[in-house]
Amino acid sequence: MVAERGDALDLPEVVGETKPDLVVIDIRMPPTHTTEGLEAAVALRKSHPEVAVIVLSQHIETRYAFELIEGSAEAVGYLLKDRVADIEEFVATVRRVAAGDTAIDPQVVARLLERERRDNPLDQLSDREREVLGLMAQGHDNAAIADHLVLNVRTVESHVSSVFTKLGLLIETEGHRRVKAVLTYLDHASA
């Protein structure tokens, strides 16, 4: 069964009724022709995770692209329109995504990696500061970190202080700075 809609507003309802294997959606749809299609695709992935989704876009919208693949990158595609000129290749991509694979345009991947690097507060830390923060995340106090790294406790305290400063965890910051630093580390360490 094939269904076509002119806007994204009733997409969840149509998908619920028709139960398609795959939805191909343009990023810009009525009524405002901004990001309704991409927003609908993100919502669709949450409400109907069994439905494969391919988003076609003229531009890279990293925030929504990240949300689109955030929960699961299975059965999802984000393709730039200017790269969809080869019909045979496009049909093959549609089949792959419908079968559960992922098809993300290389330019989108590059932009997502750029964003991830740019948004990682740990990039501000020196290698030694990262090492100290990693040991903090393992639950070590300053003395244990000093023993582990064969450093003076005062040197470790200096590194810890620098970590707090670079992560924007000032003394006035509400809550425990050490815990907040560790949470930041755990949230961004894999990036």
Protein backbone atom coordinates (compact mmCIF):
# COMPACT_ATOMS: atom_id res chain seq x y z
CA MET A 1 0.00 0.00 0.00
CA VAL A 2 1.21 3.49 -0.83
CA ALA A 3 -0.05 6.69 0.75
CA GLU A 4 0.86 10.29 0.03
CA ARG A 5 0.39 13.35 2.21
CA GLY A 6 1.03 17.00 1.51
CA ASP A 7 1.93 17.94 5.07
CA ALA A 8 3.35 16.33 8.17
CA LEU A 9 0.50 17.16 10.52
CA ASP A 10 -1.51 13.98 10.01
CA LEU A 11 1.47 11.68 9.41
CA PRO A 12 1.23 9.76 12.72
CA GLU A 13 -2.46 9.12 12.10
CA VAL A 14 -1.87 7.93 8.53
CA VAL A 15 0.99 5.68 9.65
CA GLY A 16 -1.21 4.24 12.38
CA GLU A 17 -3.95 3.47 9.85
CA THR A 18 -1.86 2.21 6.91
CA LYS A 19 0.99 0.53 8.84
CA PRO A 20 3.67 1.13 6.18
CA ASP A 21 7.06 -0.57 6.18
CA LEU A 22 8.77 2.68 5.21
CA VAL A 23 8.07 6.41 5.18
CA VAL A 24 10.01 8.77 2.90
CA ILE A 25 9.60 12.32 4.09
CA ASP A 26 10.91 15.69 2.99
CA ILE A 27 12.45 17.83 5.71
CA ARG A 28 10.50 20.91 4.60
CA MET A 29 6.75 20.47 4.48
CA PRO A 30 3.66 22.63 4.83
CA PRO A 31 2.45 24.64 6.57
CA THR A 32 5.68 26.64 7.17
CA HIS A 33 8.15 24.73 4.98
CA THR A 34 10.81 24.78 7.69
CA THR A 35 11.53 21.54 9.55
CA GLU A 36 8.07 20.01 9.94
CA GLY A 37 9.07 16.90 8.01
CA LEU A 38 12.12 16.23 10.13
CA GLU A 39 10.23 16.92 13.34
CA ALA A 40 7.51 14.51 12.16
CA ALA A 41 10.16 11.88 11.35
CA VAL A 42 11.66 12.18 14.84
CA ALA A 43 8.18 11.88 16.41
CA LEU A 44 7.36 8.96 14.12
CA ARG A 45 10.51 7.09 15.20
CA LYS A 46 9.33 7.44 18.80
CA SER A 47 5.67 6.55 18.25
CA HIS A 48 6.18 3.86 15.57
CA PRO A 49 9.73 2.46 15.97
CA GLU A 50 8.86 -0.47 13.70
CA VAL A 51 8.47 1.85 10.69
CA ALA A 52 11.61 2.62 8.67
CA VAL A 53 12.10 6.32 7.94
CA ILE A 54 14.07 8.14 5.25
CA VAL A 55 14.37 11.90 5.44
CA LEU A 56 15.28 13.86 2.31
CA SER A 57 16.83 17.25 2.81
CA GLN A 58 18.39 20.07 0.88
CA HIS A 59 20.37 21.11 3.98
CA ILE A 60 21.89 19.42 7.00
CA GLU A 61 19.95 20.04 10.22
CA THR A 62 22.28 18.51 12.81
CA ARG A 63 20.02 18.90 15.84
CA TYR A 64 17.21 16.91 14.27
CA ALA A 65 19.54 14.50 12.47
CA PHE A 66 21.04 13.62 15.85
CA GLU A 67 17.57 13.17 17.36
CA LEU A 68 16.56 11.00 14.40
CA ILE A 69 19.32 8.47 15.08
CA GLU A 70 19.65 9.00 18.82
CA GLY A 71 17.48 6.15 20.10
CA SER A 72 18.42 3.67 17.40
CA ALA A 73 20.14 4.01 14.07
CA GLU A 74 18.35 0.98 12.64
CA ALA A 75 15.94 1.43 9.74
CA VAL A 76 16.68 5.12 9.30
CA GLY A 77 18.05 7.24 6.50
CA TYR A 78 19.01 10.90 6.17
CA LEU A 79 19.87 11.73 2.58
CA LEU A 80 20.73 14.98 0.89
CA LYS A 81 18.56 15.58 -2.16
CA ASP A 82 21.42 16.46 -4.47
CA ARG A 83 22.87 12.99 -3.82
CA VAL A 84 19.67 11.16 -4.77
CA ALA A 85 20.01 11.72 -8.52
CA ASP A 86 20.86 8.08 -9.24
CA ILE A 87 17.46 6.33 -9.14
CA GLU A 88 18.92 2.80 -8.94
CA GLU A 89 21.11 3.78 -6.02
CA PHE A 90 18.18 5.51 -4.29
CA VAL A 91 15.93 2.45 -4.70
CA ALA A 92 18.71 0.23 -3.33
CA THR A 93 19.03 2.58 -0.35
CA VAL A 94 15.27 2.51 0.24
CA ARG A 95 15.36 -1.29 0.25
CA ARG A 96 18.31 -1.37 2.66
CA VAL A 97 16.64 1.02 5.10
CA ALA A 98 13.33 -0.88 4.88
CA ALA A 99 15.31 -4.02 5.76
CA GLY A 100 16.66 -2.35 8.90
CA ASP A 101 19.95 -0.82 7.73
CA THR A 102 21.08 2.76 8.12
CA ALA A 103 21.79 5.22 5.30
CA ILE A 104 23.23 8.52 6.45
CA ASP A 105 24.76 10.85 3.87
CA PRO A 106 28.51 11.19 4.47
CA GLN A 107 28.19 15.00 4.71
CA VAL A 108 25.62 14.56 7.49
CA VAL A 109 27.93 12.17 9.35
CA ALA A 110 30.82 14.64 9.05
CA ARG A 111 28.68 17.48 10.38
CA LEU A 112 27.42 15.36 13.30
CA LEU A 113 30.99 14.44 14.26
CA GLU A 114 31.99 18.10 14.00
CA ARG A 115 29.12 19.06 16.28
CA GLU A 116 30.01 16.35 18.78
CA ARG A 117 33.61 17.52 18.95
CA ARG A 118 32.58 21.16 19.21
CA ASP A 119 30.08 20.46 21.99
CA ASN A 120 32.43 18.33 24.09
CA PRO A 121 33.56 20.34 27.14
CA LEU A 122 36.29 17.76 27.82
CA ASP A 123 38.15 18.99 24.75
CA GLN A 124 39.26 21.97 26.85
CA LEU A 125 41.16 19.72 29.26
CA SER A 126 44.80 18.71 28.96
CA ASP A 127 45.63 15.00 28.78
CA ARG A 128 46.71 15.04 32.43
CA GLU A 129 43.50 16.81 33.49
CA ARG A 130 41.45 14.19 31.64
CA GLU A 131 43.44 11.49 33.38
CA VAL A 132 42.78 13.07 36.78
CA LEU A 133 39.09 13.49 35.97
CA GLY A 134 38.90 9.86 34.81
CA LEU A 135 40.31 8.72 38.16
CA MET A 136 37.86 11.03 39.95
CA ALA A 137 35.08 9.29 38.00
CA GLN A 138 36.36 5.96 39.35
CA GLY A 139 35.80 7.30 42.87
CA HIS A 140 39.40 8.11 43.82
CA ASP A 141 40.14 11.02 46.14
CA ASN A 142 43.06 13.39 45.53
CA ALA A 143 45.51 11.31 47.62
CA ALA A 144 44.66 8.11 45.72
CA ILE A 145 44.97 9.95 42.40
CA ALA A 146 48.38 11.27 43.48
CA ASP A 147 49.52 7.74 44.38
CA HIS A 148 48.19 6.31 41.12
CA LEU A 149 49.82 8.97 38.93
CA VAL A 150 52.93 9.29 41.12
CA LEU A 151 52.30 12.98 41.70
CA ASN A 152 52.30 15.31 44.67
CA VAL A 153 48.84 15.80 46.22
CA ARG A 154 49.20 19.58 45.69
CA THR A 155 49.76 18.95 41.96
CA VAL A 156 46.60 16.84 41.81
CA GLU A 157 44.69 19.58 43.64
CA SER A 158 45.95 22.04 41.03
CA HIS A 159 44.74 19.78 38.21
CA VAL A 160 41.35 19.32 39.90
CA SER A 161 41.01 23.08 40.32
CA SER A 162 41.88 23.59 36.66
CA VAL A 163 39.26 20.98 35.65
CA PHE A 164 36.62 22.85 37.65
CA THR A 165 37.58 26.14 36.04
CA LYS A 166 37.65 24.79 32.49
CA LEU A 167 34.29 23.04 32.95
CA GLY A 168 32.77 26.25 34.35
CA LEU A 169 32.19 24.77 37.80
CA LEU A 170 32.88 27.79 39.93
CA ILE A 171 32.72 27.80 43.73
CA GLU A 172 29.34 29.53 43.58
CA THR A 173 27.99 26.68 41.44
CA GLU A 174 25.13 25.04 43.24
CA GLY A 175 25.83 21.43 44.21
CA HIS A 176 29.08 19.54 44.59
CA ARG A 177 31.63 20.51 41.93
CA ARG A 178 33.43 17.16 42.05
CA VAL A 179 30.21 15.27 41.35
CA LYS A 180 29.28 17.66 38.55
CA ALA A 181 32.72 17.28 36.98
CA VAL A 182 32.39 13.50 37.08
CA LEU A 183 28.91 13.65 35.56
CA THR A 184 30.25 15.84 32.75
CA TYR A 185 33.05 13.33 32.21
CA LEU A 186 30.67 10.38 32.09
CA ASP A 187 28.37 12.21 29.71
CA HIS A 188 31.12 13.20 27.23
CA ALA A 189 34.03 10.78 27.73
CA SER A 190 33.19 8.59 24.72
CA ALA A 191 33.12 11.53 22.27
